[in-house]
PDB file of N, CA and C in Angstrom:
ATOM      1  N   MET A   1    -106.129  11.711  75.944  1.00  0.00           N
ATOM      2  CA  MET A   1    -104.891  11.138  75.929  1.00  0.00           C
ATOM      3  C   MET A   1    -103.941  11.800  76.415  1.00  0.00           C
ATOM      4  N   LYS A   2    -103.060  11.237  77.124  1.00  0.00           N
ATOM      5  CA  LYS A   2    -101.914  11.948  77.987  1.00  0.00           C
ATOM      6  C   LYS A   2    -100.667  12.525  77.435  1.00  0.00           C
ATOM      7  N   LEU A   3    -100.582  13.825  77.068  1.00  0.00           N
ATOM      8  CA  LEU A   3     -99.236  14.190  76.759  1.00  0.00           C
ATOM      9  C   LEU A   3     -98.217  14.492  77.996  1.00  0.00           C
ATOM     10  N   GLU A   4     -96.849  13.868  77.378  1.00  0.00           N
ATOM     11  CA  GLU A   4     -96.277  14.065  78.543  1.00  0.00           C
ATOM     12  C   GLU A   4     -94.859  14.800  78.165  1.00  0.00           C
ATOM     13  N   LEU A   5     -94.426  15.768  78.485  1.00  0.00           N
ATOM     14  CA  LEU A   5     -93.420  16.620  77.806  1.00  0.00           C
ATOM     15  C   LEU A   5     -91.928  16.387  78.351  1.00  0.00           C
ATOM     16  N   LYS A   6     -90.899  15.961  77.692  1.00  0.00           N
ATOM     17  CA  LYS A   6     -89.773  15.723  78.510  1.00  0.00           C
ATOM     18  C   LYS A   6     -88.950  17.021  78.014  1.00  0.00           C
ATOM     19  N   PRO A   7     -87.797  17.429  78.918  1.00  0.00           N
ATOM     20  CA  PRO A   7     -87.018  18.391  78.815  1.00  0.00           C
ATOM     21  C   PRO A   7     -85.787  18.356  77.767  1.00  0.00           C
ATOM     22  N   PHE A   8     -85.586  19.356  77.070  1.00  0.00           N
ATOM     23  CA  PHE A   8     -85.053  19.325  75.682  1.00  0.00           C
ATOM     24  C   PHE A   8     -83.707  18.654  75.862  1.00  0.00           C
ATOM     25  N   ASP A   9     -83.216  17.709  75.294  1.00  0.00           N
ATOM     26  CA  ASP A   9     -81.606  17.410  75.206  1.00  0.00           C
ATOM     27  C   ASP A   9     -80.864  17.494  74.319  1.00  0.00           C
ATOM     28  N   PHE A  10     -80.158  18.782  74.568  1.00  0.00           N
ATOM     29  CA  PHE A  10     -79.230  19.427  73.607  1.00  0.00           C
ATOM     30  C   PHE A  10     -78.387  18.761  73.334  1.00  0.00           C
ATOM     31  N   GLN A  11     -77.371  17.744  73.986  1.00  0.00           N
ATOM     32  CA  GLN A  11     -76.383  16.773  73.102  1.00  0.00           C
ATOM     33  C   GLN A  11     -77.144  15.872  72.286  1.00  0.00           C
ATOM     34  N   GLN A  12     -78.255  15.293  72.304  1.00  0.00           N
ATOM     35  CA  GLN A  12     -78.858  13.988  71.600  1.00  0.00           C
ATOM     36  C   GLN A  12     -79.582  15.025  70.413  1.00  0.00           C
ATOM     37  N   ALA A  13     -79.837  16.189  70.669  1.00  0.00           N
ATOM     38  CA  ALA A  13     -80.217  17.282  69.221  1.00  0.00           C
ATOM     39  C   ALA A  13     -78.933  17.367  68.224  1.00  0.00           C
ATOM     40  N   VAL A  14     -77.578  17.739  68.860  1.00  0.00           N
ATOM     41  CA  VAL A  14     -76.598  17.886  68.519  1.00  0.00           C
ATOM     42  C   VAL A  14     -75.963  16.800  67.687  1.00  0.00           C
ATOM     43  N   ALA A  15     -76.091  15.563  68.381  1.00  0.00           N
ATOM     44  CA  ALA A  15     -75.943  14.405  67.678  1.00  0.00           C
ATOM     45  C   ALA A  15     -76.697  13.962  66.677  1.00  0.00           C
ATOM     46  N   ARG A  16     -77.878  14.185  66.380  1.00  0.00           N
ATOM     47  CA  ARG A  16     -79.003  13.862  65.536  1.00  0.00           C
ATOM     48  C   ARG A  16     -78.550  14.933  64.268  1.00  0.00           C
ATOM     49  N   ALA A  17     -78.086  15.963  64.488  1.00  0.00           N
ATOM     50  CA  ALA A  17     -77.641  16.846  63.443  1.00  0.00           C
ATOM     51  C   ALA A  17     -76.685  16.549  62.777  1.00  0.00           C
ATOM     52  N   GLY A  18     -75.599  15.609  63.486  1.00  0.00           N
ATOM     53  CA  GLY A  18     -74.301  15.493  62.916  1.00  0.00           C
ATOM     54  C   GLY A  18     -73.301  16.336  62.969  1.00  0.00           C
ATOM     55  N   LEU A  19     -73.489  17.122  64.379  1.00  0.00           N
ATOM     56  CA  LEU A  19     -72.511  17.959  64.742  1.00  0.00           C
ATOM     57  C   LEU A  19     -72.023  17.615  66.211  1.00  0.00           C
ATOM     58  N   ARG A  20     -70.655  18.506  66.418  1.00  0.00           N
ATOM     59  CA  ARG A  20     -70.205  18.151  67.320  1.00  0.00           C
ATOM     60  C   ARG A  20     -70.834  19.336  68.736  1.00  0.00           C
ATOM     61  N   PRO A  21     -70.648  19.276  69.812  1.00  0.00           N
ATOM     62  CA  PRO A  21     -71.166  20.476  70.745  1.00  0.00           C
ATOM     63  C   PRO A  21     -70.516  21.815  70.342  1.00  0.00           C
ATOM     64  N   ASP A  22     -69.689  21.759  69.756  1.00  0.00           N
ATOM     65  CA  ASP A  22     -69.154  22.959  69.374  1.00  0.00           C
ATOM     66  C   ASP A  22     -69.814  23.659  67.969  1.00  0.00           C
ATOM     67  N   GLY A  23     -70.388  23.127  67.314  1.00  0.00           N
ATOM     68  CA  GLY A  23     -70.966  23.344  65.958  1.00  0.00           C
ATOM     69  C   GLY A  23     -70.430  22.910  64.651  1.00  0.00           C
ATOM     70  N   THR A  24     -69.077  22.122  64.855  1.00  0.00           N
ATOM     71  CA  THR A  24     -68.583  21.480  63.751  1.00  0.00           C
ATOM     72  C   THR A  24     -69.175  20.475  63.056  1.00  0.00           C
ATOM     73  N   PRO A  25     -69.197  19.589  62.072  1.00  0.00           N
ATOM     74  CA  PRO A  25     -69.544  18.571  61.306  1.00  0.00           C
ATOM     75  C   PRO A  25     -68.994  17.473  61.900  1.00  0.00           C
ATOM     76  N   LEU A  26     -69.364  16.261  62.261  1.00  0.00           N
ATOM     77  CA  LEU A  26     -68.643  15.028  62.671  1.00  0.00           C
ATOM     78  C   LEU A  26     -67.438  14.923  61.688  1.00  0.00           C
ATOM     79  N   GLY A  27     -67.752  15.130  60.560  1.00  0.00           N
ATOM     80  CA  GLY A  27     -66.621  14.557  59.644  1.00  0.00           C
ATOM     81  C   GLY A  27     -65.487  15.673  59.310  1.00  0.00           C
ATOM     82  N   GLN A  28     -65.803  16.189  60.133  1.00  0.00           N
ATOM     83  CA  GLN A  28     -64.263  17.646  59.569  1.00  0.00           C
ATOM     84  C   GLN A  28     -63.466  17.523  60.779  1.00  0.00           C
ATOM     85  N   ALA A  29     -62.225  17.619  60.520  1.00  0.00           N
ATOM     86  CA  ALA A  29     -61.137  17.705  62.003  1.00  0.00           C
ATOM     87  C   ALA A  29     -61.369  19.342  61.900  1.00  0.00           C
ATOM     88  N   VAL A  30     -60.842  19.993  63.181  1.00  0.00           N
ATOM     89  CA  VAL A  30     -60.871  21.189  63.440  1.00  0.00           C
ATOM     90  C   VAL A  30     -59.668  21.302  63.965  1.00  0.00           C
ATOM     91  N   GLY A  31     -59.281  22.568  63.297  1.00  0.00           N
ATOM     92  CA  GLY A  31     -57.548  23.379  63.808  1.00  0.00           C
ATOM     93  C   GLY A  31     -58.188  24.333  64.458  1.00  0.00           C
ATOM     94  N   LEU A  32     -57.072  25.424  64.509  1.00  0.00           N
ATOM     95  CA  LEU A  32     -57.069  26.679  65.303  1.00  0.00           C
ATOM     96  C   LEU A  32     -56.856  27.708  64.333  1.00  0.00           C
ATOM     97  N   GLY A  33     -57.649  28.539  63.791  1.00  0.00           N
ATOM     98  CA  GLY A  33     -57.602  29.603  63.048  1.00  0.00           C
ATOM     99  C   GLY A  33     -56.524  30.541  63.344  1.00  0.00           C
ATOM    100  N   LYS A  34     -56.121  32.055  62.544  1.00  0.00           N
ATOM    101  CA  LYS A  34     -55.540  32.763  62.992  1.00  0.00           C
ATOM    102  C   LYS A  34     -55.990  33.564  64.216  1.00  0.00           C
ATOM    103  N   ALA A  35     -57.246  33.975  64.422  1.00  0.00           N
ATOM    104  CA  ALA A  35     -57.785  34.622  65.294  1.00  0.00           C
ATOM    105  C   ALA A  35     -57.764  33.629  66.784  1.00  0.00           C
ATOM    106  N   GLY A  36     -57.324  32.190  66.592  1.00  0.00           N
ATOM    107  CA  GLY A  36     -57.829  31.662  67.916  1.00  0.00           C
ATOM    108  C   GLY A  36     -58.823  30.889  67.740  1.00  0.00           C
ATOM    109  N   ARG A  37     -59.983  30.968  66.761  1.00  0.00           N
ATOM    110  CA  ARG A  37     -61.264  30.236  66.583  1.00  0.00           C
ATOM    111  C   ARG A  37     -61.262  28.998  65.996  1.00  0.00           C
ATOM    112  N   ALA A  38     -62.113  28.016  66.479  1.00  0.00           N
ATOM    113  CA  ALA A  38     -62.008  26.940  65.688  1.00  0.00           C
ATOM    114  C   ALA A  38     -62.399  26.808  64.411  1.00  0.00           C
ATOM    115  N   GLU A  39     -61.920  26.477  63.296  1.00  0.00           N
ATOM    116  CA  GLU A  39     -62.179  26.487  61.655  1.00  0.00           C
ATOM    117  C   GLU A  39     -61.892  25.317  61.422  1.00  0.00           C
ATOM    118  N   ALA A  40     -62.817  24.862  60.253  1.00  0.00           N
ATOM    119  CA  ALA A  40     -62.735  23.551  59.693  1.00  0.00           C
ATOM    120  C   ALA A  40     -61.536  23.337  59.060  1.00  0.00           C
ATOM    121  N   ALA A  41     -61.374  22.329  58.946  1.00  0.00           N
ATOM    122  CA  ALA A  41     -59.781  21.860  58.003  1.00  0.00           C
ATOM    123  C   ALA A  41     -59.870  22.070  56.694  1.00  0.00           C
ATOM    124  N   SER A  42     -60.601  22.112  56.102  1.00  0.00           N
ATOM    125  CA  SER A  42     -60.837  22.337  54.675  1.00  0.00           C
ATOM    126  C   SER A  42     -60.859  23.974  54.345  1.00  0.00           C
ATOM    127  N   GLY A  43     -60.720  24.622  55.225  1.00  0.00           N
ATOM    128  CA  GLY A  43     -60.456  26.230  55.235  1.00  0.00           C
ATOM    129  C   GLY A  43     -61.938  26.730  54.676  1.00  0.00           C
ATOM    130  N   THR A  44     -63.099  26.302  55.305  1.00  0.00           N
ATOM    131  CA  THR A  44     -64.204  26.585  54.846  1.00  0.00           C
ATOM    132  C   THR A  44     -64.282  27.667  56.169  1.00  0.00           C
ATOM    133  N   GLU A  45     -65.205  28.407  56.365  1.00  0.00           N
ATOM    134  CA  GLU A  45     -65.852  29.289  57.161  1.00  0.00           C
ATOM    135  C   GLU A  45     -66.369  28.389  58.635  1.00  0.00           C
ATOM    136  N   PRO A  46     -66.132  28.925  59.694  1.00  0.00           N
ATOM    137  CA  PRO A  46     -66.462  28.142  60.818  1.00  0.00           C
ATOM    138  C   PRO A  46     -67.915  27.872  61.001  1.00  0.00           C
ATOM    139  N   ALA A  47     -68.437  26.944  61.695  1.00  0.00           N
ATOM    140  CA  ALA A  47     -69.517  26.775  61.830  1.00  0.00           C
ATOM    141  C   ALA A  47     -69.900  27.596  63.234  1.00  0.00           C
ATOM    142  N   ASN A  48     -71.059  28.395  63.319  1.00  0.00           N
ATOM    143  CA  ASN A  48     -70.917  29.055  64.424  1.00  0.00           C
ATOM    144  C   ASN A  48     -72.542  29.848  64.694  1.00  0.00           C
ATOM    145  N   PHE A  49     -73.005  30.209  65.596  1.00  0.00           N
ATOM    146  CA  PHE A  49     -74.310  30.611  65.776  1.00  0.00           C
ATOM    147  C   PHE A  49     -75.124  31.184  64.770  1.00  0.00           C
ATOM    148  N   THR A  50     -74.388  32.175  64.306  1.00  0.00           N
ATOM    149  CA  THR A  50     -75.218  32.950  63.126  1.00  0.00           C
ATOM    150  C   THR A  50     -75.585  32.134  61.975  1.00  0.00           C
ATOM    151  N   THR A  51     -74.644  30.979  61.647  1.00  0.00           N
ATOM    152  CA  THR A  51     -74.657  30.225  60.227  1.00  0.00           C
ATOM    153  C   THR A  51     -75.822  29.521  60.814  1.00  0.00           C
ATOM    154  N   ALA A  52     -76.046  28.558  62.168  1.00  0.00           N
ATOM    155  CA  ALA A  52     -76.822  27.890  62.662  1.00  0.00           C
ATOM    156  C   ALA A  52     -78.299  28.228  62.453  1.00  0.00           C
ATOM    157  N   MET A  53     -78.152  29.355  63.075  1.00  0.00           N
ATOM    158  CA  MET A  53     -79.609  30.408  62.961  1.00  0.00           C
ATOM    159  C   MET A  53     -79.851  30.636  61.641  1.00  0.00           C
ATOM    160  N   ALA A  54     -79.373  30.945  60.630  1.00  0.00           N
ATOM    161  CA  ALA A  54     -79.477  31.155  59.263  1.00  0.00           C
ATOM    162  C   ALA A  54     -79.943  30.127  58.706  1.00  0.00           C
ATOM    163  N   GLN A  55     -79.360  28.687  59.081  1.00  0.00           N
ATOM    164  CA  GLN A  55     -79.741  27.718  58.513  1.00  0.00           C
ATOM    165  C   GLN A  55     -81.138  27.445  58.919  1.00  0.00           C
ATOM    166  N   ALA A  56     -81.469  27.633  60.183  1.00  0.00           N
ATOM    167  CA  ALA A  56     -82.713  27.377  60.938  1.00  0.00           C
ATOM    168  C   ALA A  56     -83.755  27.903  60.415  1.00  0.00           C
ATOM    169  N   LEU A  57     -83.511  29.479  60.020  1.00  0.00           N
ATOM    170  CA  LEU A  57     -84.723  30.282  59.520  1.00  0.00           C
ATOM    171  C   LEU A  57     -85.152  29.593  58.094  1.00  0.00           C
ATOM    172  N   ARG A  58     -83.857  29.534  57.746  1.00  0.00           N
ATOM    173  CA  ARG A  58     -83.854  28.701  56.147  1.00  0.00           C
ATOM    174  C   ARG A  58     -85.226  27.696  56.172  1.00  0.00           C
ATOM    175  N   ALA A  59     -84.781  26.752  57.124  1.00  0.00           N
ATOM    176  CA  ALA A  59     -85.572  25.466  57.167  1.00  0.00           C
ATOM    177  C   ALA A  59     -86.750  25.790  57.162  1.00  0.00           C
ATOM    178  N   VAL A  60     -87.306  27.066  58.389  1.00  0.00           N
ATOM    179  CA  VAL A  60     -88.419  27.071  58.529  1.00  0.00           C
ATOM    180  C   VAL A  60     -89.314  27.857  57.253  1.00  0.00           C
ATOM    181  N   SER A  61     -88.516  28.530  56.625  1.00  0.00           N
ATOM    182  CA  SER A  61     -89.186  29.387  55.565  1.00  0.00           C
ATOM    183  C   SER A  61     -89.495  28.359  54.532  1.00  0.00           C
ATOM    184  N   ASP A  62     -88.271  27.338  54.086  1.00  0.00           N
ATOM    185  CA  ASP A  62     -88.731  26.244  53.319  1.00  0.00           C
ATOM    186  C   ASP A  62     -90.253  25.654  53.633  1.00  0.00           C
ATOM    187  N   ALA A  63     -90.308  25.218  54.970  1.00  0.00           N
ATOM    188  CA  ALA A  63     -91.587  24.405  55.376  1.00  0.00           C
ATOM    189  C   ALA A  63     -92.688  25.298  55.237  1.00  0.00           C
ATOM    190  N   GLN A  64     -92.482  26.479  55.522  1.00  0.00           N
ATOM    191  CA  GLN A  64     -93.706  27.473  55.196  1.00  0.00           C
ATOM    192  C   GLN A  64     -94.267  27.444  53.694  1.00  0.00           C
ATOM    193  N   LEU A  65     -92.922  27.305  53.007  1.00  0.00           N
ATOM    194  CA  LEU A  65     -93.477  27.714  51.435  1.00  0.00           C
ATOM    195  C   LEU A  65     -93.998  26.172  50.921  1.00  0.00           C
ATOM    196  N   GLU A  66     -93.275  25.058  51.570  1.00  0.00           N
ATOM    197  CA  GLU A  66     -93.834  24.154  50.668  1.00  0.00           C
ATOM    198  C   GLU A  66     -95.353  23.614  51.646  1.00  0.00           C
ATOM    199  N   SER A  67     -95.731  24.501  52.987  1.00  0.00           N
ATOM    200  CA  SER A  67     -96.992  23.833  53.096  1.00  0.00           C
ATOM    201  C   SER A  67     -98.157  24.765  52.276  1.00  0.00           C
ATOM    202  N   SER A  68     -97.810  25.988  52.208  1.00  0.00           N
ATOM    203  CA  SER A  68     -98.478  26.842  51.449  1.00  0.00           C
ATOM    204  C   SER A  68     -98.593  26.381  49.957  1.00  0.00           C
ATOM    205  N   ARG A  69     -97.736  25.675  49.280  1.00  0.00           N
ATOM    206  CA  ARG A  69     -97.769  25.263  47.972  1.00  0.00           C
ATOM    207  C   ARG A  69     -98.951  23.888  48.106  1.00  0.00           C
ATOM    208  N   LEU A  70     -98.841  23.306  49.187  1.00  0.00           N
ATOM    209  CA  LEU A  70     -99.439  21.908  49.212  1.00  0.00           C
ATOM    210  C   LEU A  70    -101.015  22.393  49.473  1.00  0.00           C
ATOM    211  N   GLN A  71    -101.070  23.468  50.204  1.00  0.00           N
ATOM    212  CA  GLN A  71    -102.438  24.307  50.410  1.00  0.00           C
ATOM    213  C   GLN A  71    -102.886  24.643  49.190  1.00  0.00           C
ATOM    214  N   ARG A  72    -102.242  25.144  48.219  1.00  0.00           N
ATOM    215  CA  ARG A  72    -102.625  25.743  46.973  1.00  0.00           C
ATOM    216  C   ARG A  72    -102.901  24.669  46.048  1.00  0.00           C
ATOM    217  N   GLU A  73    -102.339  23.683  46.135  1.00  0.00           N
ATOM    218  CA  GLU A  73    -102.549  22.221  45.194  1.00  0.00           C
ATOM    219  C   GLU A  73    -103.739  22.134  45.599  1.00  0.00           C
ATOM    220  N   LEU A  74    -104.170  21.810  46.700  1.00  0.00           N
ATOM    221  CA  LEU A  74    -105.161  20.646  47.331  1.00  0.00           C
ATOM    222  C   LEU A  74    -106.567  21.768  46.944  1.00  0.00           C
ATOM    223  N   GLN A  75    -106.406  23.161  47.292  1.00  0.00           N
ATOM    224  CA  GLN A  75    -107.706  23.845  47.093  1.00  0.00           C
ATOM    225  C   GLN A  75    -107.846  23.857  45.243  1.00  0.00           C
ATOM    226  N   LEU A  76    -106.959  23.466  44.568  1.00  0.00           N
ATOM    227  CA  LEU A  76    -106.745  23.427  43.200  1.00  0.00           C
ATOM    228  C   LEU A  76    -107.491  22.030  42.678  1.00  0.00           C
ATOM    229  N   ASP A  77    -107.450  21.215  43.547  1.00  0.00           N
ATOM    230  CA  ASP A  77    -108.126  19.507  43.609  1.00  0.00           C
ATOM    231  C   ASP A  77    -106.917  19.062  42.903  1.00  0.00           C
ATOM    232  N   ASN A  78    -105.673  19.229  43.386  1.00  0.00           N
ATOM    233  CA  ASN A  78    -104.851  18.215  42.565  1.00  0.00           C
ATOM    234  C   ASN A  78    -105.081  16.902  43.090  1.00  0.00           C
ATOM    235  N   SER A  79    -104.795  15.922  42.638  1.00  0.00           N
ATOM    236  CA  SER A  79    -105.359  14.539  42.862  1.00  0.00           C
ATOM    237  C   SER A  79    -103.814  14.228  43.657  1.00  0.00           C
ATOM    238  N   THR A  80    -102.840  14.583  43.249  1.00  0.00           N
ATOM    239  CA  THR A  80    -101.622  13.929  43.875  1.00  0.00           C
ATOM    240  C   THR A  80    -101.462  14.362  45.141  1.00  0.00           C
ATOM    241  N   VAL A  81    -101.958  15.474  45.704  1.00  0.00           N
ATOM    242  CA  VAL A  81    -101.655  15.728  47.010  1.00  0.00           C
ATOM    243  C   VAL A  81    -102.941  15.316  47.837  1.00  0.00           C
ATOM    244  N   SER A  82    -102.649  14.975  49.081  1.00  0.00           N
ATOM    245  CA  SER A  82    -103.678  14.491  50.101  1.00  0.00           C
ATOM    246  C   SER A  82    -103.906  15.397  51.065  1.00  0.00           C
ATOM    247  N   VAL A  83    -105.021  15.403  51.595  1.00  0.00           N
ATOM    248  CA  VAL A  83    -105.095  16.107  52.838  1.00  0.00           C
ATOM    249  C   VAL A  83    -104.581  15.641  54.113  1.00  0.00           C
ATOM    250  N   GLU A  84    -104.060  14.588  54.436  1.00  0.00           N
ATOM    251  CA  GLU A  84    -102.801  14.332  55.411  1.00  0.00           C
ATOM    252  C   GLU A  84    -102.108  14.824  55.167  1.00  0.00           C
ATOM    253  N   GLN A  85    -101.439  14.887  54.081  1.00  0.00           N
ATOM    254  CA  GLN A  85    -100.154  15.569  53.291  1.00  0.00           C
ATOM    255  C   GLN A  85    -100.140  16.963  53.783  1.00  0.00           C
ATOM    256  N   THR A  86    -100.828  17.639  53.458  1.00  0.00           N
ATOM    257  CA  THR A  86    -100.722  18.868  53.750  1.00  0.00           C
ATOM    258  C   THR A  86    -101.082  19.365  55.133  1.00  0.00           C
ATOM    259  N   MET A  87    -101.993  18.641  56.211  1.00  0.00           N
ATOM    260  CA  MET A  87    -102.036  18.877  57.299  1.00  0.00           C
ATOM    261  C   MET A  87    -100.944  18.819  58.045  1.00  0.00           C
ATOM    262  N   ILE A  88     -99.722  17.866  57.498  1.00  0.00           N
ATOM    263  CA  ILE A  88     -98.628  17.213  58.437  1.00  0.00           C
ATOM    264  C   ILE A  88     -97.418  18.577  57.740  1.00  0.00           C
ATOM    265  N   ALA A  89     -97.411  19.007  56.677  1.00  0.00           N
ATOM    266  CA  ALA A  89     -96.976  20.255  56.473  1.00  0.00           C
ATOM    267  C   ALA A  89     -97.158  21.347  57.153  1.00  0.00           C
ATOM    268  N   SER A  90     -98.658  21.481  57.149  1.00  0.00           N
ATOM    269  CA  SER A  90     -99.067  22.821  57.920  1.00  0.00           C
ATOM    270  C   SER A  90     -98.456  22.645  59.256  1.00  0.00           C
ATOM    271  N   ALA A  91     -98.588  21.547  59.616  1.00  0.00           N
ATOM    272  CA  ALA A  91     -98.400  21.229  61.191  1.00  0.00           C
ATOM    273  C   ALA A  91     -96.647  21.647  61.552  1.00  0.00           C
ATOM    274  N   LYS A  92     -96.005  21.088  60.302  1.00  0.00           N
ATOM    275  CA  LYS A  92     -94.562  21.177  60.800  1.00  0.00           C
ATOM    276  C   LYS A  92     -93.932  22.376  60.677  1.00  0.00           C
ATOM    277  N   SER A  93     -94.312  23.469  59.727  1.00  0.00           N
ATOM    278  CA  SER A  93     -94.161  24.695  59.204  1.00  0.00           C
ATOM    279  C   SER A  93     -94.671  25.547  60.767  1.00  0.00           C
ATOM    280  N   GLN A  94     -95.728  24.994  60.989  1.00  0.00           N
ATOM    281  CA  GLN A  94     -96.193  25.732  62.356  1.00  0.00           C
ATOM    282  C   GLN A  94     -95.466  25.451  63.451  1.00  0.00           C
ATOM    283  N   ILE A  95     -95.000  24.021  63.954  1.00  0.00           N
ATOM    284  CA  ILE A  95     -93.959  23.878  65.023  1.00  0.00           C
ATOM    285  C   ILE A  95     -92.562  24.707  64.828  1.00  0.00           C
ATOM    286  N   GLY A  96     -91.913  24.715  63.544  1.00  0.00           N
ATOM    287  CA  GLY A  96     -90.862  25.406  63.208  1.00  0.00           C
ATOM    288  C   GLY A  96     -91.129  26.900  63.490  1.00  0.00           C
ATOM    289  N   PHE A  97     -92.022  27.694  63.195  1.00  0.00           N
ATOM    290  CA  PHE A  97     -92.266  28.835  63.328  1.00  0.00           C
ATOM    291  C   PHE A  97     -92.514  29.233  64.718  1.00  0.00           C
ATOM    292  N   THR A  98     -93.194  28.427  65.720  1.00  0.00           N
ATOM    293  CA  THR A  98     -93.179  28.670  66.841  1.00  0.00           C
ATOM    294  C   THR A  98     -91.866  28.260  67.685  1.00  0.00           C
ATOM    295  N   ALA A  99     -90.888  27.528  67.167  1.00  0.00           N
ATOM    296  CA  ALA A  99     -89.808  27.010  67.792  1.00  0.00           C
ATOM    297  C   ALA A  99     -88.885  28.393  67.439  1.00  0.00           C
ATOM    298  N   ALA A 100     -88.897  29.234  66.347  1.00  0.00           N
ATOM    299  CA  ALA A 100     -87.988  30.242  66.222  1.00  0.00           C
ATOM    300  C   ALA A 100     -88.699  31.401  66.817  1.00  0.00           C
ATOM    301  N   LEU A 101     -89.421  31.415  66.989  1.00  0.00           N
ATOM    302  CA  LEU A 101     -90.235  32.621  67.833  1.00  0.00           C
ATOM    303  C   LEU A 101     -89.910  32.725  68.867  1.00  0.00           C
ATOM    304  N   SER A 102     -89.425  31.015  69.408  1.00  0.00           N
ATOM    305  CA  SER A 102     -88.905  31.073  70.724  1.00  0.00           C
ATOM    306  C   SER A 102     -87.699  31.485  71.190  1.00  0.00           C
ATOM    307  N   VAL A 103     -87.146  31.075  70.180  1.00  0.00           N
ATOM    308  CA  VAL A 103     -85.594  31.550  70.500  1.00  0.00           C
ATOM    309  C   VAL A 103     -85.166  32.894  70.146  1.00  0.00           C
ATOM    310  N   ARG A 104     -86.124  33.531  69.110  1.00  0.00           N
ATOM    311  CA  ARG A 104     -85.970  35.126  69.029  1.00  0.00           C
ATOM    312  C   ARG A 104     -86.217  35.523  70.504  1.00  0.00           C
ATOM    313  N   ASN A 105     -87.197  35.484  71.150  1.00  0.00           N
ATOM    314  CA  ASN A 105     -87.441  35.652  72.402  1.00  0.00           C
ATOM    315  C   ASN A 105     -86.691  35.583  73.655  1.00  0.00           C
ATOM    316  N   ARG A 106     -86.098  34.271  73.621  1.00  0.00           N
ATOM    317  CA  ARG A 106     -85.116  34.126  74.166  1.00  0.00           C
ATOM    318  C   ARG A 106     -83.350  34.703  73.965  1.00  0.00           C
ATOM    319  N   LEU A 107     -83.181  34.877  72.727  1.00  0.00           N
ATOM    320  CA  LEU A 107     -82.229  35.972  72.695  1.00  0.00           C
ATOM    321  C   LEU A 107     -82.483  37.123  73.130  1.00  0.00           C
ATOM    322  N   VAL A 108     -83.481  38.105  72.809  1.00  0.00           N
ATOM    323  CA  VAL A 108     -84.039  39.518  72.911  1.00  0.00           C
ATOM    324  C   VAL A 108     -83.909  39.458  74.796  1.00  0.00           C
ATOM    325  N   GLN A 109     -84.361  38.416  75.293  1.00  0.00           N
ATOM    326  CA  GLN A 109     -84.464  38.311  76.741  1.00  0.00           C
ATOM    327  C   GLN A 109     -83.050  38.305  77.474  1.00  0.00           C
ATOM    328  N   ALA A 110     -82.167  37.213  76.862  1.00  0.00           N
ATOM    329  CA  ALA A 110     -81.021  37.493  77.100  1.00  0.00           C
ATOM    330  C   ALA A 110     -80.001  38.713  76.972  1.00  0.00           C
ATOM    331  N   TYR A 111     -80.644  39.323  75.805  1.00  0.00           N
ATOM    332  CA  TYR A 111     -79.538  40.809  75.521  1.00  0.00           C
ATOM    333  C   TYR A 111     -80.129  42.117  76.638  1.00  0.00           C
ATOM    334  N   THR A 112     -81.483  41.741  76.671  1.00  0.00           N
ATOM    335  CA  THR A 112     -81.834  42.847  77.872  1.00  0.00           C
ATOM    336  C   THR A 112     -81.156  42.466  79.247  1.00  0.00           C
ATOM    337  N   ASP A 113     -80.971  41.265  79.534  1.00  0.00           N
ATOM    338  CA  ASP A 113     -80.469  40.905  80.648  1.00  0.00           C
ATOM    339  C   ASP A 113     -79.053  41.217  80.976  1.00  0.00           C
ATOM    340  N   ILE A 114     -78.254  41.185  79.914  1.00  0.00           N
ATOM    341  CA  ILE A 114     -77.141  41.504  79.956  1.00  0.00           C
ATOM    342  C   ILE A 114     -76.757  42.894  79.926  1.00  0.00           C
ATOM    343  N   MET A 115     -77.822  43.684  78.975  1.00  0.00           N
ATOM    344  CA  MET A 115     -77.503  45.015  79.257  1.00  0.00           C
ATOM    345  C   MET A 115     -77.708  45.809  80.688  1.00  0.00           C
ATOM    346  N   ASN A 116     -78.572  45.217  81.182  1.00  0.00           N
ATOM    347  CA  ASN A 116     -79.295  45.690  82.542  1.00  0.00           C
ATOM    348  C   ASN A 116     -78.140  45.269  83.529  1.00  0.00           C
ATOM    349  N   MET A 117     -77.020  44.440  83.019  1.00  0.00           N
ATOM    350  CA  MET A 117     -76.190  44.001  83.998  1.00  0.00           C
ATOM    351  C   MET A 117     -75.293  45.286  84.576  1.00  0.00           C
ATOM    352  N   GLN A 118     -75.083  45.349  85.927  1.00  0.00           N
ATOM    353  CA  GLN A 118     -74.071  46.422  86.299  1.00  0.00           C
ATOM    354  C   GLN A 118     -72.735  45.728  86.265  1.00  0.00           C
ATOM    355  N   VAL A 119     -71.819  46.810  85.905  1.00  0.00           N
ATOM    356  CA  VAL A 119     -70.586  46.662  85.584  1.00  0.00           C
ATOM    357  C   VAL A 119     -69.475  47.051  86.999  1.00  0.00           C
TER     358      VAL A 119
END
């Protein structure tokens, strides 16, 4: 089996998530807030990296919890849980964790690079 890796397409990922490139949802109008930051027209908190990262970590955590639950149910011989379903959930949680770990490593590297810059 030949596996071909393609470069990550940020624009496509943002569009799939239903967001604009600046992180705001497609269905909301964007205005400028008091501090000059983009804010949603509904008065809610603006979408930013912190909230996006928190949501991503929450999704990874949920996937890991679901995988653990399915593994436990399979071990208890629950007839409603299949081996395939359990393996897919396990693979999803592993991929999510690996992606989160990669993002963390890149953030730490970027922080280190910035701190080592000459001013």
